Amino acid sequence: MKMFEMMKQMQQVRKIQKQLAAKKVEITSTDKMITVVACGDMSIASIKINPEAVASMKLEKLERLLASTVNGALDSSKKAAAADMQKITGGMGGLAEMLGGGGK
């Protein structure tokens, strides 16, 4: 691959990474005690815990619920990001693989 083409693809990668970072998904636990917002770049934007959960749940249960909700948010974010990357990079050859998507 020529240097110019690589530089152009790297610019496209940065642009897509910014778009993914801006995409957010929100997941709420089934009992509505915890809400997590995850970004398309796999970062956590926010976690909200209902004060009732802190007052009424044992710590271990709250920790499991928090971990489960965070994992659900990250999984949803990953799936949404992969779908978006497939749309964006569909015809760009190796660019999807550079971003870790690969359409799989």
Foldseek 3Di string as FASTA:
>chain_A
DDPVVVVVLVVVLVVLLVVQQPDWDWFAQPVRQKIWIATLNLHTPDIDGHVCCVVPDDPVVVVVSVVVRSVVRSVVSPVVSLVVCCVVCVPPPCSCVVNVRPSD
